[in-house]
Amino acid sequence: MLRDTLRNKEYFDENITFCEECLAEDIEEIKTGNFADKVKMKKSFRLVNDILTLAHQKYSRGDDLAELVPYVFKALECRQWQKLYADALPEKEQTARIGLEEIREEYLENWFHWLAIAYCLDMGQGYYQQVIELIANQGQDGLLDNIAVKMGDTDRDIAENLLFKKRFDKLYKVVEAEPDKRPALVKAYLDAWYKLYGSLDTHLLDNDAYDGYWCWEAALVVKLYNIDDSSFIDHEYYPKDLVHWQDNQ
């Protein structure tokens, strides 16, 4: 059954088929193509984003979430490729990796998306630790650091501030709050999320840009901090099926 209410199944079927075909082609191209390591590094970076987009679309279509597990493994593999090709760059080209690995607002959103899917699908501590090590950027953003520590990176330095305060301050307040205050704060974040995310209105565009509006970082925090979601479980942006996937197994 569709989880998204703004597009029909045929729309998602077409987009997902196209994305799966492109993903397979791009993976094969990296494996067999005669490209420089810098090019392979950048292609691997894009693959991780493409996999997360595909997972987003499949969630919106209503797919069985267990079917996302191979994609979650593939995302890790592609990110490992990115590091492999980056490490192989000569010293004078090492700066080329900075733009792909330094913390940025859109990257942080993607990292939370990745961690949310992995954690809610119970990929295991070994998996989480590998992803966190690849994300790196320790001690730079208080929200990322607190989440990483909660996921097992216990020796991590924790920044006292947020790099993207406007975007994530309301979510950071959830992490900092006493347990009994957290449900109301998550609800407040969900209510503000669409505007904070940029109010893109992609559902109004006459193209294939729309994937569904889901607040993945809320799913991650709710699951990670064991927050009672009964007061907002039917919120339009809350991916409740992901959060409660383990409950239904």
Protein backbone atom coordinates (compact mmCIF):
# COMPACT_ATOMS: atom_id res chain seq x y z
CA MET A 1 0.00 0.00 0.00
CA LEU A 2 1.28 3.46 -0.90
CA ARG A 3 2.73 5.40 2.00
CA ASP A 4 2.83 8.61 0.00
CA THR A 5 -0.47 10.36 -0.72
CA LEU A 6 0.64 12.89 -3.34
CA ARG A 7 1.58 10.54 -6.19
CA ASN A 8 0.19 7.27 -7.48
CA LYS A 9 1.90 3.89 -7.72
CA GLU A 10 2.56 4.25 -11.45
CA TYR A 11 4.59 7.40 -10.79
CA PHE A 12 6.82 5.65 -8.26
CA ASP A 13 7.04 2.48 -10.37
CA GLU A 14 8.44 4.45 -13.28
CA ASN A 15 10.90 6.43 -11.15
CA ILE A 16 12.13 3.39 -9.24
CA THR A 17 12.64 1.31 -12.37
CA PHE A 18 14.65 4.12 -13.92
CA CYS A 19 16.75 4.63 -10.76
CA GLU A 20 17.47 0.93 -10.40
CA GLU A 21 18.64 0.70 -14.01
CA CYS A 22 20.87 3.75 -13.64
CA LEU A 23 22.29 2.47 -10.37
CA ALA A 24 23.22 -0.90 -11.88
CA GLU A 25 24.85 0.80 -14.86
CA ASP A 26 26.82 3.23 -12.71
CA ILE A 27 28.10 0.49 -10.40
CA GLU A 28 29.24 -1.56 -13.37
CA GLU A 29 30.90 1.52 -14.86
CA ILE A 30 32.94 2.09 -11.72
CA LYS A 31 33.95 -1.56 -11.55
CA THR A 32 35.00 -1.86 -15.19
CA GLY A 33 35.57 1.67 -16.46
CA ASN A 34 39.02 3.05 -17.13
CA PHE A 35 38.64 6.20 -15.04
CA ALA A 36 41.08 8.12 -12.88
CA ASP A 37 40.76 7.58 -9.13
CA LYS A 38 39.44 11.13 -8.71
CA VAL A 39 36.58 10.40 -11.11
CA LYS A 40 35.80 7.08 -9.43
CA MET A 41 35.80 8.82 -6.05
CA LYS A 42 33.20 11.32 -7.23
CA LYS A 43 31.10 8.64 -8.91
CA SER A 44 31.12 6.55 -5.73
CA PHE A 45 30.00 9.59 -3.75
CA ARG A 46 27.03 10.06 -6.07
CA LEU A 47 26.15 6.38 -5.82
CA VAL A 48 25.56 6.65 -2.07
CA ASN A 49 23.17 9.55 -2.64
CA ASP A 50 21.44 7.68 -5.46
CA ILE A 51 20.93 4.64 -3.22
CA LEU A 52 19.39 6.78 -0.49
CA THR A 53 17.09 8.40 -3.07
CA LEU A 54 16.02 4.97 -4.25
CA ALA A 55 15.32 3.86 -0.69
CA HIS A 56 13.29 7.04 -0.21
CA GLN A 57 11.20 6.29 -3.29
CA LYS A 58 10.65 2.67 -2.33
CA TYR A 59 9.47 3.72 1.12
CA SER A 60 7.01 6.16 -0.47
CA ARG A 61 5.71 3.43 -2.78
CA GLY A 62 4.99 1.19 0.18
CA ASP A 63 7.60 -1.50 -0.41
CA ASP A 64 8.40 -4.16 2.18
CA LEU A 65 11.16 -2.51 4.19
CA ALA A 66 13.12 -5.76 4.50
CA GLU A 67 13.82 -5.32 0.77
CA LEU A 68 15.87 -2.21 1.58
CA VAL A 69 18.52 -4.17 3.45
CA PRO A 70 20.62 -5.01 0.35
CA TYR A 71 20.58 -1.33 -0.61
CA VAL A 72 21.78 -0.35 2.85
CA PHE A 73 24.70 -2.76 2.46
CA LYS A 74 25.39 -1.37 -1.02
CA ALA A 75 25.46 2.19 0.33
CA LEU A 76 28.22 1.20 2.76
CA GLU A 77 30.16 -0.56 0.01
CA CYS A 78 29.98 2.49 -2.27
CA ARG A 79 31.09 4.79 0.54
CA GLN A 80 34.02 2.47 1.17
CA TRP A 81 34.88 2.76 -2.52
CA GLN A 82 34.83 6.53 -2.19
CA LYS A 83 37.39 6.37 0.62
CA LEU A 84 39.49 3.81 -1.24
CA TYR A 85 39.78 6.01 -4.33
CA ALA A 86 40.30 9.13 -2.22
CA ASP A 87 43.12 7.49 -0.26
CA ALA A 88 44.75 6.48 -3.55
CA LEU A 89 44.97 10.05 -4.81
CA PRO A 90 48.47 11.56 -4.91
CA GLU A 91 49.21 14.07 -2.20
CA LYS A 92 48.76 17.06 -4.50
CA GLU A 93 45.21 15.90 -5.32
CA GLN A 94 44.08 15.08 -1.77
CA THR A 95 42.25 18.40 -1.56
CA ALA A 96 39.76 17.02 -4.11
CA ARG A 97 38.19 14.87 -1.41
CA ILE A 98 37.45 17.73 0.99
CA GLY A 99 34.29 18.85 -0.76
CA LEU A 100 32.86 15.34 -0.54
CA GLU A 101 33.81 14.57 3.05
CA GLU A 102 33.56 17.82 5.03
CA ILE A 103 30.33 18.40 6.91
CA ARG A 104 27.69 20.41 5.05
CA GLU A 105 24.00 20.90 5.72
CA GLU A 106 22.81 18.74 2.83
CA TYR A 107 25.37 16.06 3.69
CA LEU A 108 24.21 16.01 7.29
CA GLU A 109 20.64 15.46 6.11
CA ASN A 110 21.80 12.53 3.98
CA TRP A 111 23.87 11.05 6.80
CA PHE A 112 20.88 11.15 9.14
CA HIS A 113 18.76 9.52 6.42
CA TRP A 114 21.33 6.75 6.05
CA LEU A 115 21.69 6.20 9.79
CA ALA A 116 17.91 6.23 10.26
CA ILE A 117 17.34 3.47 7.74
CA ALA A 118 20.28 1.43 9.05
CA TYR A 119 19.29 1.75 12.71
CA CYS A 120 15.58 1.15 12.21
CA LEU A 121 16.35 -1.92 10.08
CA ASP A 122 18.68 -3.19 12.82
CA MET A 123 21.79 -3.47 10.65
CA GLY A 124 23.96 -4.09 13.71
CA GLN A 125 26.67 -2.36 15.70
CA GLY A 126 29.43 -3.31 13.31
CA TYR A 127 27.58 -1.66 10.46
CA TYR A 128 26.84 1.53 12.43
CA GLN A 129 30.46 1.87 13.50
CA GLN A 130 31.72 1.55 9.94
CA VAL A 131 29.32 4.23 8.71
CA ILE A 132 30.16 6.58 11.58
CA GLU A 133 33.89 6.16 10.96
CA LEU A 134 33.39 6.98 7.28
CA ILE A 135 31.24 10.01 8.06
CA ALA A 136 33.96 11.22 10.48
CA ASN A 137 33.82 14.98 11.25
CA GLN A 138 34.13 14.30 14.97
CA GLY A 139 33.77 17.21 17.37
CA GLN A 140 32.32 19.62 14.84
CA ASP A 141 28.54 19.41 15.26
CA GLY A 142 26.82 18.72 18.56
CA LEU A 143 23.83 16.91 17.08
CA LEU A 144 25.89 14.58 14.91
CA ASP A 145 28.31 13.91 17.77
CA ASN A 146 25.56 13.08 20.27
CA ILE A 147 23.86 10.73 17.82
CA ALA A 148 27.17 9.04 16.99
CA VAL A 149 27.92 8.51 20.70
CA LYS A 150 24.44 7.11 21.26
CA MET A 151 25.06 4.70 18.39
CA GLY A 152 28.24 3.40 19.98
CA ASP A 153 31.06 5.81 19.11
CA THR A 154 31.63 6.38 22.82
CA ASP A 155 35.15 7.87 22.59
CA ARG A 156 34.04 10.62 20.24
CA ASP A 157 34.62 14.29 21.05
CA ILE A 158 31.30 16.15 21.32
CA ALA A 159 30.97 19.67 19.99
CA GLU A 160 29.12 22.14 22.20
CA ASN A 161 27.42 23.91 19.29
CA LEU A 162 25.59 23.22 16.05
CA LEU A 163 27.01 24.07 12.66
CA PHE A 164 23.53 24.48 11.20
CA LYS A 165 21.58 25.92 14.10
CA LYS A 166 18.65 27.25 12.07
CA ARG A 167 18.09 23.90 10.40
CA PHE A 168 18.61 21.50 13.32
CA ASP A 169 18.23 23.43 16.57
CA LYS A 170 14.71 22.11 17.21
CA LEU A 171 15.93 18.54 16.78
CA TYR A 172 18.95 19.20 18.98
CA LYS A 173 16.56 20.32 21.72
CA VAL A 174 15.01 16.82 21.59
CA VAL A 175 18.37 15.18 22.22
CA GLU A 176 19.20 17.56 25.07
CA ALA A 177 15.80 17.35 26.80
CA GLU A 178 14.66 15.18 29.66
CA PRO A 179 12.88 12.03 28.42
CA ASP A 180 9.40 13.19 29.38
CA LYS A 181 9.83 16.39 27.34
CA ARG A 182 10.97 14.69 24.17
CA PRO A 183 7.64 13.65 22.57
CA ALA A 184 6.34 17.23 22.50
CA LEU A 185 9.66 18.47 21.11
CA VAL A 186 9.67 15.88 18.32
CA LYS A 187 6.13 16.95 17.45
CA ALA A 188 7.28 20.57 17.32
CA TYR A 189 10.15 19.61 15.04
CA LEU A 190 7.87 17.67 12.69
CA ASP A 191 5.48 20.62 12.54
CA ALA A 192 8.37 22.91 11.57
CA TRP A 193 10.19 20.42 9.35
CA TYR A 194 8.78 21.27 5.93
CA LYS A 195 9.72 24.93 6.26
CA LEU A 196 13.10 24.10 7.77
CA TYR A 197 13.77 21.68 4.93
CA GLY A 198 13.19 24.47 2.44
CA SER A 199 9.49 24.21 1.48
CA LEU A 200 10.54 22.85 -1.89
CA ASP A 201 7.00 22.07 -3.14
CA THR A 202 8.43 19.44 -5.49
CA HIS A 203 5.04 17.72 -5.56
CA LEU A 204 3.73 20.68 -7.57
CA LEU A 205 6.33 20.33 -10.33
CA ASP A 206 5.43 18.59 -13.57
CA ASN A 207 8.47 16.32 -13.56
CA ASP A 208 9.91 13.34 -11.68
CA ALA A 209 11.63 15.34 -8.91
CA TYR A 210 9.22 14.35 -6.16
CA ASP A 211 10.21 11.43 -3.91
CA GLY A 212 7.94 11.95 -0.91
CA TYR A 213 8.21 14.13 2.16
CA TRP A 214 9.71 12.15 5.04
CA CYS A 215 11.56 13.44 8.08
CA TRP A 216 14.18 10.70 8.40
CA GLU A 217 16.12 12.39 11.19
CA ALA A 218 13.02 12.33 13.38
CA ALA A 219 12.77 8.57 12.82
CA LEU A 220 16.42 8.17 13.83
CA VAL A 221 16.09 10.19 17.04
CA VAL A 222 12.79 8.58 18.06
CA LYS A 223 14.17 5.09 17.59
CA LEU A 224 17.59 5.81 19.05
CA TYR A 225 16.29 7.54 22.17
CA ASN A 226 13.25 5.28 22.57
CA ILE A 227 10.79 8.18 22.45
CA ASP A 228 7.05 7.56 22.80
CA ASP A 229 5.64 8.57 19.41
CA SER A 230 1.95 7.99 20.15
CA SER A 231 1.20 11.72 20.12
CA PHE A 232 2.57 12.23 16.59
CA ILE A 233 2.57 8.78 15.02
CA ASP A 234 0.23 9.84 12.21
CA HIS A 235 2.07 13.06 11.40
CA GLU A 236 2.27 13.46 7.63
CA TYR A 237 6.08 13.72 7.62
CA TYR A 238 6.82 10.99 10.16
CA PRO A 239 7.98 7.65 8.64
CA LYS A 240 6.27 5.53 11.26
CA ASP A 241 6.54 2.27 9.31
CA LEU A 242 10.32 2.56 9.39
CA VAL A 243 10.40 3.36 13.10
CA HIS A 244 8.16 0.41 13.96
CA TRP A 245 9.52 -2.09 11.47
CA GLN A 246 11.14 -4.26 14.13
CA ASP A 247 7.90 -4.33 16.13
CA ASN A 248 6.15 -6.07 13.24
CA GLN A 249 8.76 -8.74 12.53
